[in-house]
Each structure stands twice: as C-alpha cells, then as structure tokens.
Protein backbone atom coordinates (compact mmCIF):
# COMPACT_ATOMS: atom_id res chain seq x y z
CA MET A 1 59.45 84.67 70.46
CA MET A 2 62.64 83.30 71.99
CA LEU A 3 63.41 79.62 71.77
CA CYS A 4 65.13 78.05 74.76
CA LEU A 5 66.95 74.93 73.81
CA PRO A 6 68.61 72.77 76.44
CA LEU A 7 72.40 72.98 76.33
CA PRO A 8 74.20 69.70 75.84
CA ARG A 9 75.55 68.30 79.09
CA ARG A 10 79.20 68.90 78.19
CA SER A 11 78.58 72.58 77.41
CA THR A 12 76.80 73.10 80.71
CA LEU A 13 79.71 71.52 82.56
CA SER A 14 82.23 73.55 80.55
CA VAL A 15 80.37 76.77 81.32
CA PHE A 16 80.23 75.88 85.01
CA VAL A 17 83.94 75.01 85.21
CA GLY A 18 84.87 78.14 83.25
CA ALA A 19 82.79 80.32 85.53
CA MET A 20 84.38 78.74 88.60
CA LEU A 21 87.87 79.33 87.22
CA LEU A 22 87.09 82.95 86.40
CA CYS A 23 85.68 83.51 89.86
CA ALA A 24 88.60 81.78 91.58
CA PHE A 25 91.38 83.55 89.66
CA PRO A 26 91.02 87.04 91.17
CA PHE A 27 90.92 85.57 94.68
CA HIS A 28 94.12 83.64 94.02
CA ALA A 29 95.87 86.74 92.65
CA ARG A 30 94.92 88.79 95.70
CA ALA A 31 95.86 86.04 98.13
CA THR A 32 99.49 86.05 96.95
CA ASP A 33 100.00 89.75 97.74
CA PRO A 34 100.82 90.65 101.34
CA SER A 35 98.41 92.97 103.15
CA ALA A 36 99.25 96.63 103.79
CA THR A 37 100.11 95.73 107.39
CA GLU A 38 102.44 92.93 106.26
CA CYS A 39 104.06 95.27 103.71
CA ALA A 40 104.71 97.87 106.40
CA ARG A 41 106.54 95.15 108.35
CA ILE A 42 108.42 93.77 105.30
CA ALA A 43 109.45 97.14 103.80
CA THR A 44 112.90 98.63 104.28
CA PRO A 45 112.69 100.39 107.68
CA ASP A 46 113.16 104.09 108.47
CA GLN A 47 112.53 105.43 104.97
CA LYS A 48 113.39 109.05 104.30
CA HIS A 49 113.61 111.34 101.26
CA ASP A 50 117.33 110.70 100.84
CA ALA A 51 119.82 108.82 98.67
CA ALA A 52 120.82 106.50 101.52
CA THR A 53 117.24 105.15 101.77
CA ILE A 54 117.04 104.46 98.04
CA GLN A 55 120.45 102.77 98.17
CA ARG A 56 119.24 100.53 101.03
CA ILE A 57 116.08 99.70 99.06
CA GLU A 58 118.08 98.83 95.93
CA GLN A 59 120.31 96.49 97.97
CA ALA A 60 117.27 94.96 99.73
CA TRP A 61 115.63 94.41 96.32
CA LEU A 62 118.70 92.55 95.06
CA THR A 63 118.82 90.55 98.29
CA ALA A 64 115.15 89.62 97.90
CA GLU A 65 115.84 88.36 94.37
CA TYR A 66 118.90 86.35 95.44
CA HIS A 67 117.28 84.93 98.58
CA GLY A 68 113.83 84.18 97.15
CA HIS A 69 111.82 86.74 99.15
CA ARG A 70 109.03 87.35 96.68
CA GLU A 71 106.83 89.13 99.22
CA TYR A 72 109.37 91.96 99.52
CA LEU A 73 108.99 92.65 95.80
CA ALA A 74 105.20 92.32 95.99
CA CYS A 75 105.27 95.14 98.56
CA LEU A 76 107.88 97.28 96.78
CA LEU A 77 106.59 97.23 93.19
CA GLU A 78 103.62 99.40 92.20
CA PRO A 79 100.70 97.46 90.66
CA ASP A 80 101.44 98.99 87.23
CA TYR A 81 105.23 98.51 87.51
CA ARG A 82 107.03 97.84 84.20
CA THR A 83 110.65 97.18 83.36
CA SER A 84 112.43 96.73 80.06
CA SER A 85 115.40 94.57 79.17
CA ARG A 86 118.29 95.53 76.91
CA SER A 87 116.55 93.66 74.10
CA GLY A 88 113.36 95.71 74.58
CA LEU A 89 111.32 93.01 76.33
CA VAL A 90 108.86 94.66 78.72
CA ARG A 91 108.05 92.77 81.92
CA SER A 92 105.23 93.45 84.38
CA ARG A 93 105.32 93.45 88.16
CA GLN A 94 104.11 89.85 88.19
CA ASP A 95 106.74 88.82 85.62
CA VAL A 96 109.47 90.21 87.90
CA ILE A 97 108.06 88.50 90.99
CA ASP A 98 107.68 85.19 89.12
CA ARG A 99 111.38 85.23 88.17
CA VAL A 100 112.37 85.07 91.86
CA PRO A 101 112.95 81.53 93.15
CA GLN A 102 109.99 80.16 95.10
CA VAL A 103 112.25 78.50 97.65
CA ALA A 104 114.06 80.89 99.99
CA ASN A 105 117.84 80.55 100.23
CA ASP A 106 119.22 83.08 102.72
CA ALA A 107 122.70 81.52 102.51
CA ARG A 108 123.32 82.71 98.94
CA GLU A 109 125.88 85.51 98.82
CA VAL A 110 124.53 88.84 97.56
CA PRO A 111 126.91 91.21 95.76
CA LYS A 112 127.05 94.84 96.85
CA LEU A 113 125.60 97.43 94.50
CA GLU A 114 127.10 100.76 93.55
CA THR A 115 124.14 103.13 93.26
CA ILE A 116 123.82 106.78 92.26
CA VAL A 117 120.52 108.32 93.33
CA VAL A 118 118.79 111.44 92.03
CA ILE A 119 115.80 112.69 94.05
CA HIS A 120 113.29 115.21 92.74
CA GLY A 121 110.40 115.84 95.13
CA ASP A 122 108.53 112.58 95.64
CA SER A 123 110.35 110.87 92.75
CA ALA A 124 113.77 109.23 92.66
CA THR A 125 115.92 107.46 90.13
CA ALA A 126 118.54 104.90 91.10
CA HIS A 127 121.33 104.08 88.64
CA SER A 128 122.94 100.86 89.88
CA ILE A 129 125.94 98.74 88.93
CA LEU A 130 126.12 95.11 89.97
CA LYS A 131 129.63 93.63 89.82
CA THR A 132 129.43 89.88 89.47
CA THR A 133 130.84 87.05 87.37
CA ASP A 134 129.49 85.23 84.35
CA LYS A 135 129.02 81.44 84.19
CA ALA A 136 132.68 81.01 83.21
CA GLY A 137 133.82 82.99 86.27
CA ASN A 138 134.84 86.11 84.37
CA PRO A 139 134.12 89.54 85.91
CA LYS A 140 130.95 91.15 84.61
CA GLU A 141 129.07 94.39 85.28
CA VAL A 142 125.30 94.69 85.06
CA HIS A 143 123.87 98.23 84.80
CA PHE A 144 120.24 99.10 85.48
CA VAL A 145 118.04 102.01 86.50
CA ASP A 146 114.94 102.02 88.71
CA GLY A 147 112.31 104.73 89.16
CA TYR A 148 110.65 105.34 92.53
CA THR A 149 107.80 107.39 93.91
CA PHE A 150 107.19 108.26 97.58
CA HIS A 151 103.71 107.95 99.06
CA ASP A 152 102.00 106.45 102.10
CA GLY A 153 105.21 106.94 104.08
CA ARG A 154 107.54 104.91 101.88
CA TRP A 155 109.17 104.48 98.47
CA PHE A 156 107.63 102.30 95.75
CA ALA A 157 109.24 101.27 92.46
CA PHE A 158 107.21 102.11 89.35
CA SER A 159 109.68 101.44 86.51
CA GLY A 160 113.00 99.93 85.65
CA ALA A 161 115.35 99.32 82.72
CA ASP A 162 118.38 97.15 82.14
CA LEU A 163 121.11 99.14 80.43
C-alpha cells in the first residue's frame, strides 16, 4: 500500500518553479542560435575548398569577435566545438560565444591575420598569427590554430588551440 502525503506548500511551489525553469531553458538556448537560413546569409560568402576561403573565414571570425557579432560565431562553430588555451583550459562553443561583447562596435579596428592553411579532403587546419600590442603598447604576437570541416556547402570550425 502506498501512502500519499500532501507536499508542503513551499515544496509544491519549488517543484513547479523548477519544472518551469527546466522547460524554459532549452527554448532559450535554441532561440539564441540563428536558423539555418540566417546562417546561410551570415556565413562567409562563396566558400570553396581552398586556402583563400579559410583565410577569409579566419579574418571574418576575428572581425566578429572584435565587432561583437556573436551570431557569426554561432553559425561558424560546430555544436561540439572545443578550444584549449595555452594553460590547458578547455572552452566550449558557448564559452567562446559568451566572450564576445554583447554590444556591436563596428568601428573597432581589426588587425590583419597571417594564416597558413592545410586542406585535406573535407578537413582544413588554419595556423594563424595575430600581430597586435599589449596593454602597454608593446608589439605582441598571438598564435593559434583552428580545425575546420566542410559539409552542407560551407566550412565549420570544430576545434581550436592557442599556441
């Protein structure tokens, strides 16, 4: 025989609120990602299986980070994208997107990248060098590598590493 005891009022409310939050969270996460149609519009145009396309994508990625265009990254990065820092910290796709300013600033100057690309079938690796300055104004180079895969008519980033 099973006993059914009434739950205290606070527990019932807590369960209800918790259930609402759990139900709302997935909808919120999906709502922030552009649709496939929007991504086709946002993506770097005229993509081919060549180094020049990957170089344009790398520069567009940097521009999106500098200018606060989070939707570009949401379209470029695979759902299971991961990147690692020099210290070994692993960041997810969402971590990378969340680091981009929420307010767009298209006036901010974007440095040019030097990028070496290696393509192997539907995979590519981009080794990039960003020449910039540190907070004191001294010249500084930032080296990183990004891994790409080609499907659905365009390139998507699936991994990265700061060197």
